[in-house]
Amino acid sequence: MVLTILKVVFWLCLLLVVYTYVGYGAVLYLILKVKRAFWRREPSPILPLDEDLLPDVTLMICAYNEADIIEEKMANIRALNYPKERLCVMWVTDGSNDRSNELLSAYPEVTLVFSPERRGKAAAMQHGLQENRAEYVIFTDANTMLNADAIREIVREFMRENVSCVSGEKRVAARHEGQAAAEGEGIYWRYESTLKRWDSELYSAMGAAGELFAVRMSHYRPAPSNALLDDFMISMLILKDGHRIAYTSEAYAMEYGSANMQEESKRKRRIAAGGLQSIWWLRSLMNPLQHPKVAFQFISHRVLRWSITPLALVALIPLNLLLVLLGGGWLYVIILLLQALFYALAIVGAVLNLIGHKNKWLNIPAYFLFMNINVFIGVPYLLSHSTSGKWEKAKRG
């Protein structure tokens, strides 16, 4: 009886892990193959030929002590292919005490909004939006560089039916060969971008990342001021109200990965903490009776990854060991050896990264293990940061 219960729990945990990290993507792919066979894809909207008909857009950058990147960021903004008279460039400097305000004052096209007190990104967004007059607001980070047609492509997506939020693509670059944090994050984001694209094609993307996303202000709802993932919450509140989040890889934000794994851990534990916080706030989206189009995607893509699946992943090791010791059979011996091999490769990859060597293939299990460890580290982080949206910036490579 005990052996049977252990087997059932073990296979449930294993199926949950496989489904979360691989299976959902496979299911999405198959669903979309059927959808494409029986329904035509929505054509890409055509932008007005007359540039005077393009909508006014605000490009908002919420920043804290970003003086070192302002010149590069402004050069990137000036290279954007969008009518300058239709684009308001707004910087919101949240408690910055470096030379940011002084440097930004040299750019006549910049609308500068300054708050002497650092209150966090969600509060900075709200402060900036009080000065906004455009229907479409694009949010981007100071340290991310946009492709020239990014704004045009985002505006194009807003022309689709029922779209009130648009998520651009995040791309991660390594500043030098062997930068493990950037390479691991880059692999992860390429897979994540594929899932977002498929989610969007099925119905809606499941949230947007702060590196590049946009909202229609008539359907905007502010995130709580203590939100750790303000961008995700803003986009998902729009989805909760019945509007879609579109995803486009034609508008992308390029940034360097974290300087090292210690700096990357700052990001990952905040994301993990914010994920748990967001799941609780958005728990009604898991009800298929209330949100039949969203529940499947939200649970599969977000909820499992941020909550139950990491626990199942950890449980697999003792469950597998018990099944071997109790004589469960050769299959469990093989699975235990495969688990041991995977974690051994992950540890070797992590050690090689620490001593300055690189192995592209060992970075994959090492980064996977690193991400899931930070899910657990995110729990105490959430408990200590639940009343404030401020966080420590991770240094980039």
Protein backbone atom coordinates (compact mmCIF):
# COMPACT_ATOMS: atom_id res chain seq x y z
CA MET A 1 0.00 0.00 0.00
CA VAL A 2 2.76 2.44 0.98
CA LEU A 3 4.71 1.55 -2.16
CA THR A 4 1.65 2.20 -4.33
CA ILE A 5 1.04 5.62 -2.75
CA LEU A 6 4.69 6.56 -3.23
CA LYS A 7 4.52 5.54 -6.89
CA VAL A 8 1.36 7.59 -7.50
CA VAL A 9 2.83 10.68 -5.80
CA PHE A 10 6.15 10.25 -7.61
CA TRP A 11 4.56 10.04 -11.06
CA LEU A 12 2.27 12.97 -10.35
CA CYS A 13 5.31 15.06 -9.38
CA LEU A 14 7.27 13.90 -12.43
CA LEU A 15 4.40 14.62 -14.81
CA LEU A 16 3.91 18.04 -13.25
CA VAL A 17 7.59 18.93 -13.72
CA VAL A 18 7.67 17.68 -17.30
CA TYR A 19 4.41 19.43 -18.18
CA THR A 20 5.46 22.76 -16.68
CA TYR A 21 8.85 23.03 -18.36
CA VAL A 22 8.32 21.10 -21.61
CA GLY A 23 4.82 19.71 -21.91
CA TYR A 24 2.91 22.99 -21.96
CA GLY A 25 4.97 24.17 -24.90
CA ALA A 26 4.27 20.91 -26.74
CA VAL A 27 0.54 21.15 -25.99
CA LEU A 28 0.47 24.77 -27.20
CA TYR A 29 2.26 23.80 -30.39
CA LEU A 30 -0.26 21.02 -31.15
CA ILE A 31 -3.27 23.23 -30.38
CA LEU A 32 -1.94 25.93 -32.69
CA LYS A 33 -1.31 23.40 -35.48
CA VAL A 34 -5.00 22.45 -35.31
CA LYS A 35 -6.09 26.09 -35.07
CA ARG A 36 -4.01 27.10 -38.10
CA ALA A 37 -5.46 24.20 -40.10
CA PHE A 38 -9.07 25.24 -39.53
CA TRP A 39 -8.89 28.99 -38.90
CA ARG A 40 -7.02 31.67 -40.80
CA ARG A 41 -4.41 33.66 -38.91
CA GLU A 42 -5.29 37.24 -38.06
CA PRO A 43 -3.52 39.38 -40.70
CA SER A 44 -1.02 41.98 -39.56
CA PRO A 45 -2.69 45.42 -39.46
CA ILE A 46 -1.49 48.06 -41.93
CA LEU A 47 -0.28 51.35 -40.49
CA PRO A 48 -1.55 54.62 -42.01
CA LEU A 49 0.59 55.87 -44.88
CA ASP A 50 0.05 59.44 -43.69
CA GLU A 51 2.30 59.85 -40.64
CA ASP A 52 -0.02 62.57 -39.32
CA LEU A 53 -2.56 59.81 -38.72
CA LEU A 54 -0.23 57.86 -36.41
CA PRO A 55 -1.29 58.20 -32.76
CA ASP A 56 0.51 60.22 -30.12
CA VAL A 57 2.68 57.99 -27.95
CA THR A 58 4.47 58.54 -24.66
CA LEU A 59 7.71 56.63 -24.14
CA MET A 60 8.22 56.43 -20.38
CA ILE A 61 11.47 55.48 -18.65
CA CYS A 62 11.28 55.08 -14.87
CA ALA A 63 14.81 55.32 -13.52
CA TYR A 64 16.81 55.36 -10.32
CA ASN A 65 20.41 56.63 -10.56
CA GLU A 66 20.93 55.82 -14.23
CA ALA A 67 23.33 58.68 -15.08
CA ASP A 68 25.86 56.28 -16.61
CA ILE A 69 23.43 55.09 -19.29
CA ILE A 70 21.49 58.27 -20.13
CA GLU A 71 23.65 59.32 -23.11
CA GLU A 72 23.44 55.89 -24.73
CA LYS A 73 19.72 55.61 -24.03
CA MET A 74 18.93 59.02 -25.48
CA ALA A 75 20.97 58.25 -28.61
CA ASN A 76 18.89 55.10 -28.99
CA ILE A 77 15.63 57.04 -28.53
CA ARG A 78 16.65 59.64 -31.12
CA ALA A 79 17.23 56.81 -33.62
CA LEU A 80 13.66 55.48 -33.27
CA ASN A 81 11.66 55.50 -36.48
CA TYR A 82 8.58 57.37 -35.28
CA PRO A 83 7.48 60.97 -35.97
CA LYS A 84 9.16 63.12 -33.35
CA GLU A 85 6.11 65.40 -33.05
CA ARG A 86 4.03 62.33 -32.14
CA LEU A 87 6.43 61.04 -29.48
CA CYS A 88 6.69 62.34 -25.94
CA VAL A 89 9.85 61.12 -24.19
CA MET A 90 9.24 61.08 -20.45
CA TRP A 91 11.82 60.23 -17.80
CA VAL A 92 10.60 59.65 -14.27
CA THR A 93 13.58 59.80 -11.88
CA ASP A 94 12.45 58.09 -8.72
CA GLY A 95 14.57 59.37 -5.84
CA SER A 96 17.67 59.68 -8.03
CA ASN A 97 20.54 61.43 -6.26
CA ASP A 98 23.18 61.17 -8.99
CA ARG A 99 23.53 63.47 -12.02
CA SER A 100 20.50 62.04 -13.85
CA ASN A 101 18.35 65.18 -13.68
CA GLU A 102 21.22 67.44 -14.69
CA LEU A 103 22.07 65.27 -17.71
CA LEU A 104 18.46 64.93 -18.84
CA SER A 105 17.91 68.68 -18.71
CA ALA A 106 20.25 68.96 -21.72
CA TYR A 107 17.71 67.16 -23.95
CA PRO A 108 14.91 69.54 -25.03
CA GLU A 109 12.62 66.68 -26.10
CA VAL A 110 12.59 65.15 -22.61
CA THR A 111 9.73 65.67 -20.18
CA LEU A 112 11.33 65.18 -16.78
CA VAL A 113 9.26 64.09 -13.79
CA PHE A 114 11.22 63.95 -10.54
CA SER A 115 10.30 62.51 -7.16
CA PRO A 116 12.81 63.29 -4.37
CA GLU A 117 11.70 60.20 -2.45
CA ARG A 118 12.41 56.74 -3.81
CA ARG A 119 9.11 54.87 -3.66
CA GLY A 120 9.58 52.10 -6.22
CA LYS A 121 8.75 51.59 -9.87
CA ALA A 122 4.98 51.20 -9.53
CA ALA A 123 4.74 54.53 -7.70
CA ALA A 124 7.08 56.14 -10.26
CA MET A 125 4.82 54.96 -13.08
CA GLN A 126 1.79 56.50 -11.40
CA HIS A 127 3.67 59.75 -10.89
CA GLY A 128 4.64 59.89 -14.55
CA LEU A 129 1.17 58.99 -15.80
CA GLN A 130 -0.25 62.03 -14.02
CA GLU A 131 1.68 64.11 -16.59
CA ASN A 132 0.79 61.93 -19.56
CA ARG A 133 -1.62 63.08 -22.28
CA ALA A 134 -1.30 60.26 -24.83
CA GLU A 135 -3.66 57.29 -25.21
CA TYR A 136 -0.73 54.90 -25.74
CA VAL A 137 2.12 54.68 -23.24
CA ILE A 138 5.19 52.54 -23.84
CA PHE A 139 7.29 51.59 -20.81
CA THR A 140 10.94 50.65 -21.14
CA ASP A 141 13.96 50.44 -18.87
CA ALA A 142 16.89 52.84 -18.96
CA ASN A 143 19.40 50.07 -19.65
CA THR A 144 17.55 48.50 -22.59
CA MET A 145 18.02 49.57 -26.20
CA LEU A 146 15.10 49.39 -28.63
CA ASN A 147 15.14 48.49 -32.31
CA ALA A 148 14.40 51.41 -34.64
CA ASP A 149 10.88 50.25 -35.59
CA ALA A 150 9.83 49.22 -32.07
CA ILE A 151 7.22 51.95 -31.57
CA ARG A 152 5.68 51.45 -35.01
CA GLU A 153 5.37 47.70 -34.42
CA ILE A 154 3.77 48.24 -31.01
CA VAL A 155 1.27 50.72 -32.47
CA ARG A 156 0.48 48.17 -35.19
CA GLU A 157 -0.43 45.55 -32.55
CA PHE A 158 -2.88 47.94 -30.89
CA MET A 159 -4.88 47.88 -34.13
CA ARG A 160 -5.77 44.23 -33.55
CA GLU A 161 -9.16 43.33 -32.11
CA ASN A 162 -9.51 43.84 -28.34
CA VAL A 163 -5.79 44.45 -27.74
CA SER A 164 -5.13 46.88 -24.89
CA CYS A 165 -1.60 45.84 -23.92
CA VAL A 166 1.39 44.95 -26.08
CA SER A 167 4.48 43.10 -24.93
CA GLY A 168 7.70 43.46 -26.88
CA GLU A 169 10.47 40.88 -26.90
CA LYS A 170 13.32 40.88 -24.43
CA ARG A 171 16.71 39.91 -25.83
CA VAL A 172 19.75 39.32 -23.66
CA ALA A 173 23.32 39.87 -24.79
CA ALA A 174 26.57 38.85 -23.12
CA ARG A 175 29.12 41.66 -22.96
CA HIS A 176 31.95 39.13 -23.16
CA GLU A 177 32.33 35.45 -23.98
CA GLY A 178 31.69 33.16 -21.03
CA GLN A 179 29.38 35.52 -19.12
CA ALA A 180 27.33 32.73 -17.57
CA ALA A 181 24.47 34.84 -16.23
CA ALA A 182 23.82 36.42 -19.63
CA GLU A 183 24.18 33.18 -21.56
CA GLY A 184 21.89 31.26 -19.21
CA GLU A 185 19.34 34.05 -19.16
CA GLY A 186 19.53 34.35 -22.95
CA ILE A 187 18.68 30.67 -23.46
CA TYR A 188 15.81 30.96 -21.00
CA TRP A 189 14.39 34.08 -22.66
CA ARG A 190 14.52 32.55 -26.14
CA TYR A 191 12.36 29.68 -24.90
CA GLU A 192 10.14 32.05 -22.92
CA SER A 193 9.70 34.27 -25.98
CA THR A 194 8.50 31.29 -28.01
CA LEU A 195 5.89 30.47 -25.37
CA LYS A 196 4.75 34.10 -25.27
CA ARG A 197 4.37 34.18 -29.03
CA TRP A 198 2.31 30.98 -28.99
CA ASP A 199 0.24 32.20 -26.03
CA SER A 200 -0.55 35.38 -27.92
CA GLU A 201 -1.56 33.46 -31.02
CA LEU A 202 -3.84 31.15 -29.04
CA TYR A 203 -5.59 34.00 -27.21
CA SER A 204 -3.36 36.30 -25.16
CA ALA A 205 0.16 36.54 -23.81
CA MET A 206 0.33 35.83 -20.09
CA GLY A 207 1.82 39.10 -18.92
CA ALA A 208 4.41 41.58 -20.10
CA ALA A 209 8.00 42.28 -19.06
CA GLY A 210 9.10 45.76 -18.02
CA GLU A 211 11.93 45.93 -20.55
CA LEU A 212 9.35 46.83 -23.21
CA PHE A 213 5.57 46.89 -22.97
CA ALA A 214 2.75 49.29 -23.75
CA VAL A 215 -0.78 49.99 -22.56
CA ARG A 216 -3.91 51.66 -23.88
CA MET A 217 -4.64 54.25 -21.19
CA SER A 218 -8.42 54.01 -21.52
CA HIS A 219 -8.14 50.41 -20.24
CA TYR A 220 -5.25 50.94 -17.83
CA ARG A 221 -5.46 49.97 -14.17
CA PRO A 222 -2.59 50.78 -11.79
CA ALA A 223 -0.67 48.03 -10.04
CA PRO A 224 -0.61 48.12 -6.24
CA SER A 225 2.16 50.42 -5.01
CA ASN A 226 3.87 47.48 -3.27
CA ALA A 227 3.87 45.29 -6.40
CA LEU A 228 7.23 43.61 -6.93
CA LEU A 229 6.31 42.78 -10.55
CA ASP A 230 4.52 46.00 -11.47
CA ASP A 231 4.78 45.39 -15.23
CA PHE A 232 3.29 41.92 -14.94
CA MET A 233 0.47 43.12 -12.69
CA ILE A 234 -0.44 46.06 -14.95
CA SER A 235 -0.66 43.82 -18.00
CA MET A 236 -2.57 41.06 -16.21
CA LEU A 237 -5.11 43.49 -14.75
CA ILE A 238 -5.88 44.53 -18.33
CA LEU A 239 -6.30 40.85 -19.23
CA LYS A 240 -8.52 40.32 -16.17
CA ASP A 241 -10.85 43.04 -17.46
CA GLY A 242 -11.38 41.08 -20.68
CA HIS A 243 -8.81 42.64 -23.01
CA ARG A 244 -5.95 40.88 -24.76
CA ILE A 245 -2.18 41.20 -24.37
CA ALA A 246 -0.51 40.99 -27.77
CA TYR A 247 3.08 39.87 -28.18
CA THR A 248 5.41 40.94 -30.97
CA SER A 249 8.99 39.95 -31.63
CA GLU A 250 9.23 42.80 -34.17
CA ALA A 251 9.59 45.24 -31.26
CA TYR A 252 12.43 44.22 -29.01
CA ALA A 253 14.56 45.53 -26.17
CA MET A 254 18.19 44.49 -26.00
CA GLU A 255 20.03 44.49 -22.69
CA TYR A 256 23.16 42.99 -21.24
CA GLY A 257 22.73 40.14 -18.81
CA SER A 258 23.60 40.45 -15.13
CA ALA A 259 27.28 40.96 -14.35
CA ASN A 260 27.48 37.61 -12.55
CA MET A 261 25.31 34.93 -10.97
CA GLN A 262 25.19 36.79 -7.64
CA GLU A 263 23.71 39.85 -9.36
CA GLU A 264 21.35 37.65 -11.38
CA SER A 265 20.14 36.10 -8.12
CA LYS A 266 18.90 39.54 -7.03
CA ARG A 267 16.61 39.59 -10.06
CA LYS A 268 15.48 36.01 -9.80
CA ARG A 269 14.50 36.12 -6.14
CA ARG A 270 12.56 39.36 -6.72
CA ILE A 271 10.79 37.80 -9.72
CA ALA A 272 10.00 34.67 -7.69
CA ALA A 273 8.66 36.75 -4.82
CA GLY A 274 6.67 38.94 -7.19
CA GLY A 275 5.31 35.85 -8.91
CA LEU A 276 3.90 34.49 -5.65
CA GLN A 277 2.52 37.91 -4.78
CA SER A 278 0.88 38.23 -8.22
CA ILE A 279 -0.63 34.74 -8.14
CA TRP A 280 -2.46 35.61 -4.94
CA TRP A 281 -3.72 38.94 -6.27
CA LEU A 282 -4.79 37.34 -9.58
CA ARG A 283 -6.15 34.10 -8.13
CA SER A 284 -9.59 34.62 -9.73
CA LEU A 285 -7.96 34.12 -13.16
CA MET A 286 -7.48 30.45 -12.23
CA ASN A 287 -11.25 29.93 -12.20
CA PRO A 288 -12.23 28.51 -15.62
CA LEU A 289 -15.89 29.39 -15.00
CA GLN A 290 -15.03 33.07 -14.66
CA HIS A 291 -12.17 33.19 -17.16
CA PRO A 292 -12.51 30.22 -19.52
CA LYS A 293 -10.03 31.57 -22.11
CA VAL A 294 -7.36 32.56 -19.60
CA ALA A 295 -7.35 29.96 -16.81
CA PHE A 296 -5.60 27.20 -18.79
CA GLN A 297 -2.84 29.48 -20.05
CA PHE A 298 -2.35 31.31 -16.76
CA ILE A 299 -2.09 28.14 -14.67
CA SER A 300 0.11 26.31 -17.17
CA HIS A 301 2.52 29.15 -17.98
CA ARG A 302 2.70 31.09 -14.72
CA VAL A 303 1.09 29.57 -11.65
CA LEU A 304 2.72 26.13 -11.80
CA ARG A 305 6.20 27.53 -12.50
CA TRP A 306 6.05 30.00 -9.61
CA SER A 307 4.42 27.80 -6.99
CA ILE A 308 3.76 24.05 -7.08
CA THR A 309 6.26 22.73 -9.64
CA PRO A 310 9.49 23.72 -7.80
CA LEU A 311 8.15 21.82 -4.78
CA ALA A 312 7.43 18.80 -6.97
CA LEU A 313 10.94 19.03 -8.43
CA VAL A 314 12.49 18.86 -4.96
CA ALA A 315 10.13 16.07 -3.85
CA LEU A 316 11.22 13.86 -6.74
CA ILE A 317 14.60 13.16 -5.14
CA PRO A 318 13.46 11.67 -1.78
CA LEU A 319 10.48 9.96 -3.40
CA ASN A 320 12.72 8.33 -6.01
CA LEU A 321 15.22 7.26 -3.34
CA LEU A 322 12.48 5.69 -1.21
CA LEU A 323 11.10 3.79 -4.20
CA VAL A 324 14.55 2.36 -4.92
CA LEU A 325 15.14 1.37 -1.28
CA LEU A 326 11.70 -0.26 -1.06
CA GLY A 327 12.29 -2.30 -4.19
CA GLY A 328 10.12 -0.38 -6.61
CA GLY A 329 11.93 -1.78 -9.64
CA TRP A 330 14.71 -1.04 -12.12
CA LEU A 331 12.79 1.80 -13.72
CA TYR A 332 13.15 3.86 -10.54
CA VAL A 333 16.86 3.03 -10.32
CA ILE A 334 17.32 4.36 -13.86
CA ILE A 335 15.33 7.53 -13.11
CA LEU A 336 17.33 8.11 -9.93
CA LEU A 337 20.59 7.78 -11.86
CA LEU A 338 19.29 10.23 -14.48
CA GLN A 339 18.36 12.69 -11.74
CA ALA A 340 21.79 12.31 -10.16
CA LEU A 341 23.46 12.85 -13.54
CA PHE A 342 21.41 15.98 -14.25
CA TYR A 343 22.21 17.60 -10.90
CA ALA A 344 25.86 16.58 -11.18
CA LEU A 345 26.07 18.31 -14.57
CA ALA A 346 24.32 21.37 -13.11
CA ILE A 347 26.80 21.57 -10.22
CA VAL A 348 29.77 21.10 -12.53
CA GLY A 349 28.39 23.86 -14.78
CA ALA A 350 27.96 26.18 -11.80
CA VAL A 351 31.50 25.48 -10.55
CA LEU A 352 32.98 26.09 -14.01
CA ASN A 353 31.13 29.41 -14.15
CA LEU A 354 32.51 30.43 -10.76
CA ILE A 355 36.10 29.76 -11.77
CA GLY A 356 35.75 31.64 -15.05
CA HIS A 357 35.36 28.78 -17.52
CA LYS A 358 32.41 28.31 -19.79
CA ASN A 359 30.54 25.36 -21.18
CA LYS A 360 27.50 26.25 -23.25
CA TRP A 361 25.70 22.98 -22.64
CA LEU A 362 26.40 22.78 -18.91
CA ASN A 363 25.04 26.32 -18.54
CA ILE A 364 21.56 24.98 -19.31
CA PRO A 365 21.17 22.59 -16.32
CA ALA A 366 23.12 25.03 -14.12
CA TYR A 367 20.77 27.91 -14.94
CA PHE A 368 17.70 25.69 -14.54
CA LEU A 369 18.85 24.67 -11.05
CA PHE A 370 19.77 28.27 -10.26
CA MET A 371 16.28 29.52 -11.23
CA ASN A 372 14.49 26.99 -9.07
CA ILE A 373 16.72 27.60 -6.05
CA ASN A 374 15.80 31.26 -6.29
CA VAL A 375 12.10 30.39 -6.22
CA PHE A 376 12.62 29.22 -2.63
CA ILE A 377 14.83 32.19 -1.80
CA GLY A 378 11.99 34.37 -3.08
CA VAL A 379 9.71 33.34 -0.20
CA PRO A 380 11.65 35.14 2.58
CA TYR A 381 12.25 38.01 0.12
CA LEU A 382 8.49 38.41 -0.29
CA LEU A 383 7.95 38.37 3.47
CA SER A 384 10.51 41.13 3.95
CA HIS A 385 9.43 43.25 0.95
CA SER A 386 5.64 42.81 0.97
CA THR A 387 4.96 46.44 1.88
CA SER A 388 7.28 48.12 -0.60
CA GLY A 389 7.85 47.96 -4.36
CA LYS A 390 11.49 49.03 -4.02
CA TRP A 391 14.28 46.60 -4.79
CA GLU A 392 18.03 46.46 -5.10
CA LYS A 393 19.22 46.94 -8.67
CA ALA A 394 21.18 44.11 -10.24
CA LYS A 395 24.42 45.24 -11.87
CA ARG A 396 24.59 44.49 -15.59
CA GLY A 397 27.55 43.05 -17.40
